[in-house]
């Protein structure tokens, strides 16, 4: 698959996954619905004690989002401090991803994160608060189930 087609597919995925996240947000099963979501941040689920946080996005049977925390729990809320450089990457071969925070990004860039295996995308967390986001990933060369999406949450603390 050439680069132009890959980016076109990833762009379309961002639109579809953002719509899916908006539907999922109607449910009240998210940490971001709590009055003070930052109280859910612990040493185990906080990423970036050295000022840098890497989040691994994989597409196997499903999409998994795993921050580099001591807990390393897949698809669960994680936290970073404002000023932390967050890098979305994929350790899965031939995997591309889109991470979209919608209109209210906690980062110093407003665009979606678009990358993949050997092509990480980074930004610095700057706006404290709780954020819901969608992740879409595709594996090139696959036939069935080559793409998927996952809703997730991030808390940026002061």
Protein backbone atom coordinates (compact mmCIF):
# COMPACT_ATOMS: atom_id res chain seq x y z
CA UNK A 1 0.00 0.00 0.00
CA UNK A 2 1.50 3.36 -0.90
CA UNK A 3 1.88 6.24 1.55
CA UNK A 4 -0.89 8.36 0.01
CA UNK A 5 -3.44 5.55 0.31
CA UNK A 6 -2.29 4.81 3.87
CA UNK A 7 -2.79 8.43 4.97
CA UNK A 8 -6.15 8.60 3.19
CA UNK A 9 -7.31 5.48 5.04
CA UNK A 10 -5.99 6.79 8.36
CA UNK A 11 -7.74 10.14 7.80
CA UNK A 12 -11.03 8.37 7.12
CA UNK A 13 -10.48 6.21 10.20
CA UNK A 14 -10.07 9.36 12.33
CA UNK A 15 -13.48 10.63 11.22
CA UNK A 16 -15.17 7.27 11.81
CA UNK A 17 -13.50 6.69 15.18
CA UNK A 18 -14.27 10.19 16.41
CA UNK A 19 -17.94 9.60 15.63
CA UNK A 20 -17.74 6.24 17.42
CA UNK A 21 -16.17 7.86 20.47
CA UNK A 22 -18.89 10.50 20.58
CA UNK A 23 -21.49 7.71 20.62
CA UNK A 24 -19.57 5.86 23.34
CA UNK A 25 -19.34 9.05 25.41
CA UNK A 26 -23.10 9.03 25.88
CA UNK A 27 -22.59 6.19 28.34
CA UNK A 28 -21.49 7.22 31.83
CA UNK A 29 -18.87 4.50 32.31
CA UNK A 30 -15.88 6.83 31.99
CA UNK A 31 -13.48 8.23 34.57
CA UNK A 32 -13.94 11.64 32.96
CA UNK A 33 -17.53 11.73 34.23
CA UNK A 34 -16.21 11.87 37.81
CA UNK A 35 -16.23 15.26 39.53
CA UNK A 36 -12.46 15.13 40.11
CA UNK A 37 -10.93 12.55 37.77
CA UNK A 38 -7.39 13.46 38.90
CA UNK A 39 -8.07 11.65 42.19
CA UNK A 40 -7.88 8.43 40.15
CA UNK A 41 -4.21 9.10 39.30
CA UNK A 42 -1.75 6.96 41.24
CA UNK A 43 1.96 6.24 40.97
CA UNK A 44 1.05 3.01 39.15
CA UNK A 45 -1.00 4.64 36.37
CA UNK A 46 1.03 7.85 35.95
CA UNK A 47 3.34 7.89 32.96
CA UNK A 48 6.39 10.06 32.46
CA UNK A 49 8.18 10.42 35.79
CA UNK A 50 11.23 11.39 33.71
CA UNK A 51 9.25 13.96 31.68
CA UNK A 52 8.57 11.53 28.80
CA UNK A 53 5.76 9.01 28.32
CA UNK A 54 5.51 6.43 25.56
CA UNK A 55 2.15 4.89 24.68
CA UNK A 56 2.22 1.66 22.67
CA UNK A 57 -0.68 1.08 20.28
CA UNK A 58 -1.11 -2.45 19.00
CA UNK A 59 -3.59 -4.10 16.69
CA UNK A 60 -3.84 -7.81 17.30
CA UNK A 61 -7.30 -9.29 17.76
CA UNK A 62 -8.35 -5.90 19.13
CA UNK A 63 -6.76 -2.50 19.67
CA UNK A 64 -4.68 -2.10 22.81
CA UNK A 65 -3.35 1.15 24.23
CA UNK A 66 -0.60 0.61 26.80
CA UNK A 67 1.25 3.53 28.43
CA UNK A 68 4.74 2.98 29.80
CA UNK A 69 3.71 3.02 33.46
CA UNK A 70 4.77 0.69 36.26
CA UNK A 71 1.31 -0.92 36.00
CA UNK A 72 1.36 -1.31 32.16
CA UNK A 73 -2.35 -2.09 32.06
CA UNK A 74 -3.93 -2.13 28.59
CA UNK A 75 -6.86 0.13 27.68
CA UNK A 76 -7.15 1.77 31.08
CA UNK A 77 -7.05 5.36 32.27
CA UNK A 78 -3.55 6.77 32.57
CA UNK A 79 -2.21 10.09 33.80
CA UNK A 80 0.61 12.47 32.88
CA UNK A 81 1.75 15.74 34.40
CA UNK A 82 1.49 18.93 32.35
CA UNK A 83 4.81 19.44 30.58
CA UNK A 84 5.29 15.72 29.85
CA UNK A 85 6.29 14.78 26.30
CA UNK A 86 3.84 12.04 25.22
CA UNK A 87 4.81 9.81 22.31
CA UNK A 88 2.31 7.54 20.61
CA UNK A 89 4.05 4.63 18.89
CA UNK A 90 3.38 1.07 17.79
CA UNK A 91 5.52 -1.96 18.49
CA UNK A 92 3.36 -3.97 16.07
CA UNK A 93 4.94 -4.50 12.67
CA UNK A 94 3.08 -2.90 9.70
CA UNK A 95 0.64 -1.09 11.98
CA UNK A 96 -0.57 2.47 11.43
CA UNK A 97 -2.65 4.47 13.90
CA UNK A 98 -4.64 7.65 14.45
CA UNK A 99 -5.15 9.06 17.96
CA UNK A 100 -7.79 11.78 18.08
CA UNK A 101 -8.73 13.97 21.05
CA UNK A 102 -11.43 15.85 19.15
CA UNK A 103 -11.78 19.62 19.47
CA UNK A 104 -10.26 19.87 22.98
CA UNK A 105 -6.72 18.57 22.87
CA UNK A 106 -4.65 18.47 26.06
CA UNK A 107 -1.50 18.88 23.96
CA UNK A 108 0.49 21.70 22.42
CA UNK A 109 -0.88 20.66 19.02
CA UNK A 110 -4.49 20.47 17.90
CA UNK A 111 -4.04 17.85 15.17
CA UNK A 112 -4.56 14.13 15.54
CA UNK A 113 -1.54 11.95 16.18
CA UNK A 114 -0.84 9.95 13.03
CA UNK A 115 1.93 7.38 12.98
CA UNK A 116 2.79 3.75 13.16
CA UNK A 117 5.54 1.21 13.59
CA UNK A 118 8.85 3.08 13.23
CA UNK A 119 6.94 6.39 12.90
CA UNK A 120 6.05 7.75 16.35
CA UNK A 121 4.16 11.02 16.85
CA UNK A 122 4.72 13.24 19.92
CA UNK A 123 3.45 16.36 21.66
CA UNK A 124 3.69 17.96 25.08
CA UNK A 125 0.75 17.77 27.50
CA UNK A 126 -0.21 21.31 28.51
CA UNK A 127 -3.88 21.54 29.54
CA UNK A 128 -4.81 19.86 32.85
CA UNK A 129 -8.07 17.94 32.83
CA UNK A 130 -9.63 14.63 31.89
CA UNK A 131 -9.79 13.77 28.19
CA UNK A 132 -11.54 11.06 26.24
CA UNK A 133 -9.91 10.06 22.98
CA UNK A 134 -10.26 7.54 20.21
CA UNK A 135 -7.58 5.31 18.76
CA UNK A 136 -7.84 3.65 15.38
CA UNK A 137 -5.26 1.23 14.04
CA UNK A 138 -4.83 -0.84 10.91
CA UNK A 139 -2.44 -3.58 9.94
CA UNK A 140 -1.37 -3.36 6.31
CA UNK A 141 -1.68 -6.48 4.21
CA UNK A 142 -4.42 -7.98 6.35
CA UNK A 143 -7.71 -9.20 4.95
CA UNK A 144 -10.21 -9.73 7.76
CA UNK A 145 -10.28 -7.50 10.81
CA UNK A 146 -7.30 -5.47 9.70
CA UNK A 147 -8.62 -2.27 11.35
CA UNK A 148 -10.20 -1.49 14.67
CA UNK A 149 -10.89 1.26 17.18
CA UNK A 150 -10.72 1.79 20.91
CA UNK A 151 -11.97 4.57 23.20
CA UNK A 152 -9.64 5.56 26.03
CA UNK A 153 -9.03 8.26 28.64
CA UNK A 154 -6.14 10.42 29.78
CA UNK A 155 -5.84 12.72 32.77
CA UNK A 156 -3.36 15.61 32.62
CA UNK A 157 -2.48 16.85 36.12
CA UNK A 158 -0.80 20.08 37.19
